[in-house]
Amino acid sequence: MIITPIEELEREIDDIEAYLSEVPPDEPDLVIERGNELSVYISRTGKMLADARYHQDKAISESIVYNLGKNAGCPASMLKQLVESTCRRENYLVNSIERLNKAATHQLDWLRTVISKAKEEMRYSNGINQR
C-alpha cells in the first residue's frame, strides 16, 4: 500500500482546485472531455482522502496531547478539541480533499445536465426540420 506524502497531497489539492475553478464548457464534445477528466479526479480524490485520513489518524495516535490527556483522564470532548488543534494540517487536508471530491462530483452532475439539454435541443431541432 502506497500512501501519498502530505506535501504531494497539498500540491495536488492546489492543482485540482485550479482545475475545478475553471468555468466548465457548454459545447458537447468539450463537456464529454471534461466529464472524463472529472471522473478521474473523483477517483483520485477518493484515494487522496483515504491517504489524508491515514495521515490524520497517524497524527492523532502520535499526538503528545492525546496521550497525555488520555493518561490524565481528560474528558473526551476536551481531548477531541485539543487533538484537533494539534492536527491542523492533517484536518485541513481531509476537509480540503472532501470538498474537492464533492465539487468534482457536482460538476460532473452539472455536465450530465448540459449533455441532456444538448441532446434534447438536437432532437427538437431535428423534429422541426423534418416537418
N, C-alpha and C. Protein backbone atom coordinates (compact mmCIF):
# COMPACT_ATOMS: atom_id res chain seq x y z
N MET A 1 0.85 -1.18 0.00
CA MET A 1 0.00 0.00 0.00
C MET A 1 0.90 1.24 0.00
N ILE A 2 0.67 2.12 -0.96
CA ILE A 2 1.46 3.34 -1.08
C ILE A 2 0.60 4.51 -0.61
N ILE A 3 1.09 5.20 0.42
CA ILE A 3 0.40 6.36 0.96
C ILE A 3 1.09 7.61 0.40
N THR A 4 0.29 8.48 -0.20
CA THR A 4 0.83 9.72 -0.77
C THR A 4 1.32 10.63 0.36
N PRO A 5 2.55 11.14 0.26
CA PRO A 5 3.06 12.06 1.29
C PRO A 5 2.21 13.34 1.38
N ILE A 6 2.19 13.93 2.55
CA ILE A 6 1.39 15.13 2.80
C ILE A 6 1.73 16.24 1.82
N GLU A 7 3.01 16.45 1.56
CA GLU A 7 3.42 17.54 0.66
C GLU A 7 2.85 17.34 -0.74
N GLU A 8 2.83 16.09 -1.20
CA GLU A 8 2.29 15.81 -2.52
C GLU A 8 0.77 16.01 -2.53
N LEU A 9 0.11 15.62 -1.46
CA LEU A 9 -1.33 15.85 -1.35
C LEU A 9 -1.64 17.34 -1.42
N GLU A 10 -0.84 18.14 -0.74
CA GLU A 10 -1.05 19.58 -0.76
C GLU A 10 -0.88 20.15 -2.16
N ARG A 11 0.11 19.67 -2.91
CA ARG A 11 0.30 20.13 -4.30
C ARG A 11 -0.88 19.72 -5.17
N GLU A 12 -1.33 18.48 -5.00
CA GLU A 12 -2.46 18.01 -5.80
C GLU A 12 -3.73 18.79 -5.48
N ILE A 13 -3.92 19.14 -4.23
CA ILE A 13 -5.09 19.95 -3.85
C ILE A 13 -5.09 21.23 -4.65
N ASP A 14 -3.94 21.90 -4.71
CA ASP A 14 -3.84 23.16 -5.46
C ASP A 14 -4.15 22.95 -6.94
N ASP A 15 -3.60 21.88 -7.52
CA ASP A 15 -3.82 21.61 -8.95
C ASP A 15 -5.30 21.30 -9.24
N ILE A 16 -5.89 20.45 -8.44
CA ILE A 16 -7.29 20.07 -8.66
C ILE A 16 -8.21 21.25 -8.41
N GLU A 17 -7.89 22.03 -7.39
CA GLU A 17 -8.70 23.21 -7.08
C GLU A 17 -8.68 24.19 -8.25
N ALA A 18 -7.51 24.37 -8.86
CA ALA A 18 -7.39 25.27 -10.02
C ALA A 18 -8.23 24.74 -11.18
N TYR A 19 -8.20 23.45 -11.42
CA TYR A 19 -8.98 22.85 -12.50
C TYR A 19 -10.47 23.03 -12.25
N LEU A 20 -10.90 22.76 -11.02
CA LEU A 20 -12.33 22.86 -10.69
C LEU A 20 -12.82 24.31 -10.68
N SER A 21 -11.89 25.25 -10.59
CA SER A 21 -12.27 26.67 -10.59
C SER A 21 -12.50 27.21 -12.01
N GLU A 22 -12.08 26.44 -13.01
CA GLU A 22 -12.30 26.86 -14.40
C GLU A 22 -13.79 26.78 -14.72
N VAL A 23 -14.24 27.67 -15.56
CA VAL A 23 -15.64 27.64 -16.00
C VAL A 23 -15.81 26.43 -16.91
N PRO A 24 -16.75 25.54 -16.57
CA PRO A 24 -16.96 24.37 -17.42
C PRO A 24 -17.49 24.76 -18.80
N PRO A 25 -17.15 24.00 -19.82
CA PRO A 25 -17.60 24.31 -21.18
C PRO A 25 -19.08 23.97 -21.35
N ASP A 26 -19.66 24.47 -22.44
CA ASP A 26 -21.03 24.08 -22.74
C ASP A 26 -21.15 23.43 -24.12
N GLU A 27 -20.03 23.31 -24.83
CA GLU A 27 -20.01 22.61 -26.11
C GLU A 27 -19.96 21.10 -25.81
N PRO A 28 -20.87 20.32 -26.39
CA PRO A 28 -20.98 18.90 -26.05
C PRO A 28 -19.68 18.10 -26.07
N ASP A 29 -18.85 18.27 -27.10
CA ASP A 29 -17.59 17.50 -27.15
C ASP A 29 -16.67 17.86 -25.99
N LEU A 30 -16.60 19.15 -25.68
CA LEU A 30 -15.75 19.59 -24.56
C LEU A 30 -16.35 19.16 -23.22
N VAL A 31 -17.67 19.12 -23.15
CA VAL A 31 -18.34 18.67 -21.92
C VAL A 31 -18.00 17.21 -21.66
N ILE A 32 -18.04 16.40 -22.70
CA ILE A 32 -17.70 14.98 -22.55
C ILE A 32 -16.25 14.81 -22.12
N GLU A 33 -15.37 15.59 -22.73
CA GLU A 33 -13.94 15.53 -22.36
C GLU A 33 -13.75 15.91 -20.89
N ARG A 34 -14.41 16.99 -20.48
CA ARG A 34 -14.29 17.42 -19.08
C ARG A 34 -14.90 16.38 -18.14
N GLY A 35 -16.01 15.78 -18.57
CA GLY A 35 -16.62 14.73 -17.75
C GLY A 35 -15.68 13.56 -17.53
N ASN A 36 -14.97 13.19 -18.58
CA ASN A 36 -13.97 12.13 -18.44
C ASN A 36 -12.87 12.52 -17.46
N GLU A 37 -12.42 13.76 -17.56
CA GLU A 37 -11.38 14.24 -16.65
C GLU A 37 -11.89 14.30 -15.21
N LEU A 38 -13.14 14.74 -15.04
CA LEU A 38 -13.72 14.81 -13.70
C LEU A 38 -13.84 13.42 -13.08
N SER A 39 -14.17 12.42 -13.89
CA SER A 39 -14.26 11.05 -13.38
C SER A 39 -12.92 10.60 -12.80
N VAL A 40 -11.84 10.98 -13.48
CA VAL A 40 -10.50 10.65 -12.98
C VAL A 40 -10.24 11.39 -11.67
N TYR A 41 -10.60 12.67 -11.62
CA TYR A 41 -10.39 13.46 -10.40
C TYR A 41 -11.23 12.92 -9.24
N ILE A 42 -12.42 12.46 -9.51
CA ILE A 42 -13.25 11.90 -8.44
C ILE A 42 -12.58 10.65 -7.86
N SER A 43 -12.07 9.83 -8.75
CA SER A 43 -11.36 8.63 -8.30
C SER A 43 -10.10 9.01 -7.52
N ARG A 44 -9.34 9.95 -8.05
CA ARG A 44 -8.09 10.35 -7.39
C ARG A 44 -8.36 10.99 -6.04
N THR A 45 -9.37 11.85 -5.95
CA THR A 45 -9.63 12.49 -4.66
C THR A 45 -10.12 11.47 -3.63
N GLY A 46 -10.75 10.39 -4.10
CA GLY A 46 -11.13 9.32 -3.17
C GLY A 46 -9.90 8.69 -2.54
N LYS A 47 -8.89 8.41 -3.36
CA LYS A 47 -7.63 7.86 -2.84
C LYS A 47 -6.90 8.88 -1.99
N MET A 48 -6.92 10.13 -2.43
CA MET A 48 -6.27 11.19 -1.66
C MET A 48 -6.91 11.31 -0.28
N LEU A 49 -8.23 11.20 -0.23
CA LEU A 49 -8.95 11.31 1.03
C LEU A 49 -8.55 10.18 1.98
N ALA A 50 -8.45 8.98 1.44
CA ALA A 50 -8.02 7.85 2.26
C ALA A 50 -6.61 8.09 2.80
N ASP A 51 -5.72 8.60 1.94
CA ASP A 51 -4.35 8.88 2.37
C ASP A 51 -4.32 9.99 3.42
N ALA A 52 -5.12 11.03 3.22
CA ALA A 52 -5.17 12.14 4.19
C ALA A 52 -5.70 11.65 5.53
N ARG A 53 -6.69 10.78 5.50
CA ARG A 53 -7.22 10.23 6.76
C ARG A 53 -6.18 9.34 7.44
N TYR A 54 -5.38 8.64 6.66
CA TYR A 54 -4.28 7.86 7.23
C TYR A 54 -3.32 8.79 7.98
N HIS A 55 -2.94 9.89 7.33
CA HIS A 55 -2.04 10.86 7.99
C HIS A 55 -2.70 11.46 9.22
N GLN A 56 -3.99 11.74 9.12
CA GLN A 56 -4.73 12.31 10.26
C GLN A 56 -4.75 11.32 11.42
N ASP A 57 -5.08 10.06 11.15
CA ASP A 57 -5.11 9.05 12.21
C ASP A 57 -3.73 8.86 12.84
N LYS A 58 -2.71 8.88 11.99
CA LYS A 58 -1.34 8.73 12.49
C LYS A 58 -0.97 9.91 13.39
N ALA A 59 -1.32 11.11 12.95
CA ALA A 59 -1.01 12.31 13.75
C ALA A 59 -1.73 12.27 15.09
N ILE A 60 -2.97 11.82 15.07
CA ILE A 60 -3.73 11.74 16.32
C ILE A 60 -3.11 10.71 17.26
N SER A 61 -2.80 9.54 16.72
CA SER A 61 -2.26 8.48 17.57
C SER A 61 -0.88 8.84 18.12
N GLU A 62 -0.13 9.66 17.39
CA GLU A 62 1.20 10.05 17.83
C GLU A 62 1.19 11.36 18.63
N SER A 63 0.03 11.96 18.76
CA SER A 63 -0.07 13.26 19.42
C SER A 63 0.27 13.15 20.91
N ILE A 64 1.18 13.97 21.33
CA ILE A 64 1.55 14.02 22.74
C ILE A 64 0.34 14.46 23.56
N VAL A 65 -0.39 15.43 23.03
CA VAL A 65 -1.57 15.94 23.72
C VAL A 65 -2.57 14.81 23.94
N TYR A 66 -2.77 13.99 22.92
CA TYR A 66 -3.72 12.88 23.00
C TYR A 66 -3.29 11.90 24.10
N ASN A 67 -2.02 11.54 24.06
CA ASN A 67 -1.52 10.55 25.03
C ASN A 67 -1.51 11.11 26.45
N LEU A 68 -1.10 12.37 26.61
CA LEU A 68 -1.11 12.97 27.94
C LEU A 68 -2.54 13.11 28.47
N GLY A 69 -3.43 13.59 27.61
CA GLY A 69 -4.82 13.78 28.02
C GLY A 69 -5.50 12.48 28.36
N LYS A 70 -5.20 11.46 27.58
CA LYS A 70 -5.80 10.14 27.81
C LYS A 70 -5.33 9.58 29.16
N ASN A 71 -4.04 9.72 29.42
CA ASN A 71 -3.48 9.22 30.69
C ASN A 71 -3.95 10.05 31.88
N ALA A 72 -4.23 11.32 31.66
CA ALA A 72 -4.65 12.20 32.75
C ALA A 72 -6.15 12.11 33.00
N GLY A 73 -6.86 11.34 32.17
CA GLY A 73 -8.31 11.21 32.36
C GLY A 73 -9.07 12.44 31.90
N CYS A 74 -8.54 13.11 30.93
CA CYS A 74 -9.16 14.32 30.37
C CYS A 74 -10.51 13.93 29.74
N PRO A 75 -11.56 14.76 29.91
CA PRO A 75 -12.85 14.45 29.29
C PRO A 75 -12.70 14.31 27.77
N ALA A 76 -13.45 13.39 27.19
CA ALA A 76 -13.34 13.08 25.76
C ALA A 76 -13.56 14.30 24.87
N SER A 77 -14.53 15.14 25.20
CA SER A 77 -14.82 16.31 24.37
C SER A 77 -13.64 17.29 24.37
N MET A 78 -13.05 17.49 25.53
CA MET A 78 -11.91 18.39 25.63
C MET A 78 -10.71 17.78 24.92
N LEU A 79 -10.52 16.49 25.08
CA LEU A 79 -9.41 15.80 24.44
C LEU A 79 -9.54 15.90 22.92
N LYS A 80 -10.75 15.74 22.42
CA LYS A 80 -11.01 15.83 20.98
C LYS A 80 -10.62 17.21 20.46
N GLN A 81 -11.01 18.28 21.18
CA GLN A 81 -10.67 19.64 20.75
C GLN A 81 -9.17 19.88 20.79
N LEU A 82 -8.52 19.39 21.81
CA LEU A 82 -7.07 19.57 21.92
C LEU A 82 -6.34 18.86 20.78
N VAL A 83 -6.75 17.63 20.51
CA VAL A 83 -6.11 16.86 19.44
C VAL A 83 -6.36 17.50 18.08
N GLU A 84 -7.59 17.94 17.84
CA GLU A 84 -7.90 18.59 16.56
C GLU A 84 -7.04 19.82 16.35
N SER A 85 -6.79 20.55 17.41
CA SER A 85 -5.97 21.76 17.26
C SER A 85 -4.51 21.42 17.00
N THR A 86 -4.05 20.27 17.47
CA THR A 86 -2.65 19.90 17.20
C THR A 86 -2.48 19.22 15.84
N CYS A 87 -3.58 18.79 15.23
CA CYS A 87 -3.53 18.11 13.92
C CYS A 87 -4.14 18.99 12.84
N ARG A 88 -3.90 20.29 12.92
CA ARG A 88 -4.50 21.24 11.98
C ARG A 88 -4.18 20.91 10.53
N ARG A 89 -2.95 20.60 10.24
CA ARG A 89 -2.54 20.35 8.85
C ARG A 89 -3.28 19.13 8.29
N GLU A 90 -3.31 18.06 9.05
CA GLU A 90 -3.98 16.85 8.60
C GLU A 90 -5.49 17.06 8.48
N ASN A 91 -6.08 17.81 9.41
CA ASN A 91 -7.51 18.11 9.34
C ASN A 91 -7.82 18.96 8.11
N TYR A 92 -6.95 19.91 7.83
CA TYR A 92 -7.12 20.75 6.64
C TYR A 92 -7.09 19.90 5.37
N LEU A 93 -6.16 18.97 5.31
CA LEU A 93 -6.07 18.08 4.15
C LEU A 93 -7.37 17.31 3.95
N VAL A 94 -7.85 16.69 5.01
CA VAL A 94 -9.08 15.90 4.93
C VAL A 94 -10.24 16.77 4.47
N ASN A 95 -10.40 17.92 5.09
CA ASN A 95 -11.51 18.82 4.73
C ASN A 95 -11.40 19.32 3.30
N SER A 96 -10.20 19.68 2.88
CA SER A 96 -10.00 20.19 1.51
C SER A 96 -10.29 19.11 0.47
N ILE A 97 -9.81 17.92 0.72
CA ILE A 97 -9.99 16.84 -0.26
C ILE A 97 -11.45 16.42 -0.31
N GLU A 98 -12.13 16.38 0.83
CA GLU A 98 -13.57 16.08 0.82
C GLU A 98 -14.32 17.11 -0.02
N ARG A 99 -13.96 18.37 0.14
CA ARG A 99 -14.61 19.45 -0.61
C ARG A 99 -14.34 19.32 -2.10
N LEU A 100 -13.10 19.00 -2.47
CA LEU A 100 -12.77 18.82 -3.89
C LEU A 100 -13.52 17.64 -4.50
N ASN A 101 -13.62 16.56 -3.75
CA ASN A 101 -14.34 15.39 -4.24
C ASN A 101 -15.81 15.72 -4.48
N LYS A 102 -16.40 16.44 -3.55
CA LYS A 102 -17.81 16.84 -3.71
C LYS A 102 -17.97 17.81 -4.88
N ALA A 103 -17.04 18.75 -5.01
CA ALA A 103 -17.13 19.73 -6.10
C ALA A 103 -17.01 19.04 -7.45
N ALA A 104 -16.09 18.09 -7.57
CA ALA A 104 -15.93 17.36 -8.84
C ALA A 104 -17.19 16.55 -9.14
N THR A 105 -17.77 15.94 -8.14
CA THR A 105 -19.00 15.16 -8.32
C THR A 105 -20.14 16.06 -8.76
N HIS A 106 -20.28 17.23 -8.14
CA HIS A 106 -21.35 18.16 -8.52
C HIS A 106 -21.14 18.70 -9.93
N GLN A 107 -19.88 18.97 -10.30
CA GLN A 107 -19.62 19.44 -11.67
C GLN A 107 -19.96 18.37 -12.68
N LEU A 108 -19.64 17.12 -12.36
CA LEU A 108 -19.96 16.03 -13.28
C LEU A 108 -21.48 15.92 -13.45
N ASP A 109 -22.22 16.06 -12.36
CA ASP A 109 -23.69 16.05 -12.45
C ASP A 109 -24.18 17.19 -13.34
N TRP A 110 -23.59 18.37 -13.18
CA TRP A 110 -23.99 19.53 -13.98
C TRP A 110 -23.70 19.27 -15.46
N LEU A 111 -22.55 18.67 -15.75
CA LEU A 111 -22.19 18.37 -17.14
C LEU A 111 -23.17 17.37 -17.76
N ARG A 112 -23.64 16.43 -16.96
CA ARG A 112 -24.65 15.49 -17.47
C ARG A 112 -25.92 16.25 -17.87
N THR A 113 -26.27 17.24 -17.09
CA THR A 113 -27.44 18.06 -17.40
C THR A 113 -27.22 18.82 -18.70
N VAL A 114 -26.02 19.35 -18.90
CA VAL A 114 -25.70 20.09 -20.13
C VAL A 114 -25.82 19.16 -21.34
N ILE A 115 -25.30 17.95 -21.21
CA ILE A 115 -25.38 16.98 -22.32
C ILE A 115 -26.84 16.62 -22.59
N SER A 116 -27.62 16.39 -21.55
CA SER A 116 -29.05 16.07 -21.73
C SER A 116 -29.78 17.21 -22.44
N LYS A 117 -29.45 18.43 -22.03
CA LYS A 117 -30.07 19.60 -22.66
C LYS A 117 -29.70 19.67 -24.14
N ALA A 118 -28.42 19.44 -24.45
CA ALA A 118 -27.97 19.49 -25.84
C ALA A 118 -28.64 18.40 -26.67
N LYS A 119 -28.79 17.22 -26.11
CA LYS A 119 -29.47 16.13 -26.81
C LYS A 119 -30.93 16.48 -27.08
N GLU A 120 -31.57 17.07 -26.09
CA GLU A 120 -32.98 17.45 -26.23
C GLU A 120 -33.13 18.54 -27.29
N GLU A 121 -32.23 19.52 -27.28
CA GLU A 121 -32.28 20.58 -28.28
C GLU A 121 -32.05 20.03 -29.69
N MET A 122 -31.13 19.07 -29.81
CA MET A 122 -30.86 18.47 -31.10
C MET A 122 -32.08 17.67 -31.58
N ARG A 123 -32.70 16.94 -30.68
CA ARG A 123 -33.88 16.17 -31.04
C ARG A 123 -35.02 17.10 -31.46
N TYR A 124 -35.19 18.18 -30.72
CA TYR A 124 -36.23 19.16 -31.03
C TYR A 124 -35.96 19.82 -32.38
N SER A 125 -34.69 20.20 -32.60
CA SER A 125 -34.29 20.83 -33.85
C SER A 125 -34.50 19.90 -35.03
N ASN A 126 -34.15 18.66 -34.91
CA ASN A 126 -34.34 17.67 -35.98
C ASN A 126 -35.82 17.43 -36.24
N GLY A 127 -36.61 17.46 -35.21
CA GLY A 127 -38.05 17.26 -35.36
C GLY A 127 -38.69 18.39 -36.14
N ILE A 128 -38.27 19.61 -35.89
CA ILE A 128 -38.82 20.79 -36.60
C ILE A 128 -38.34 20.79 -38.04
N ASN A 129 -37.07 20.47 -38.28
CA ASN A 129 -36.51 20.49 -39.63
C ASN A 129 -37.15 19.43 -40.53
N GLN A 130 -37.62 18.33 -39.94
CA GLN A 130 -38.19 17.26 -40.74
C GLN A 130 -39.62 17.57 -41.17
N ARG A 131 -40.28 18.51 -40.58
CA ARG A 131 -41.67 18.84 -40.91
C ARG A 131 -41.75 19.68 -42.10
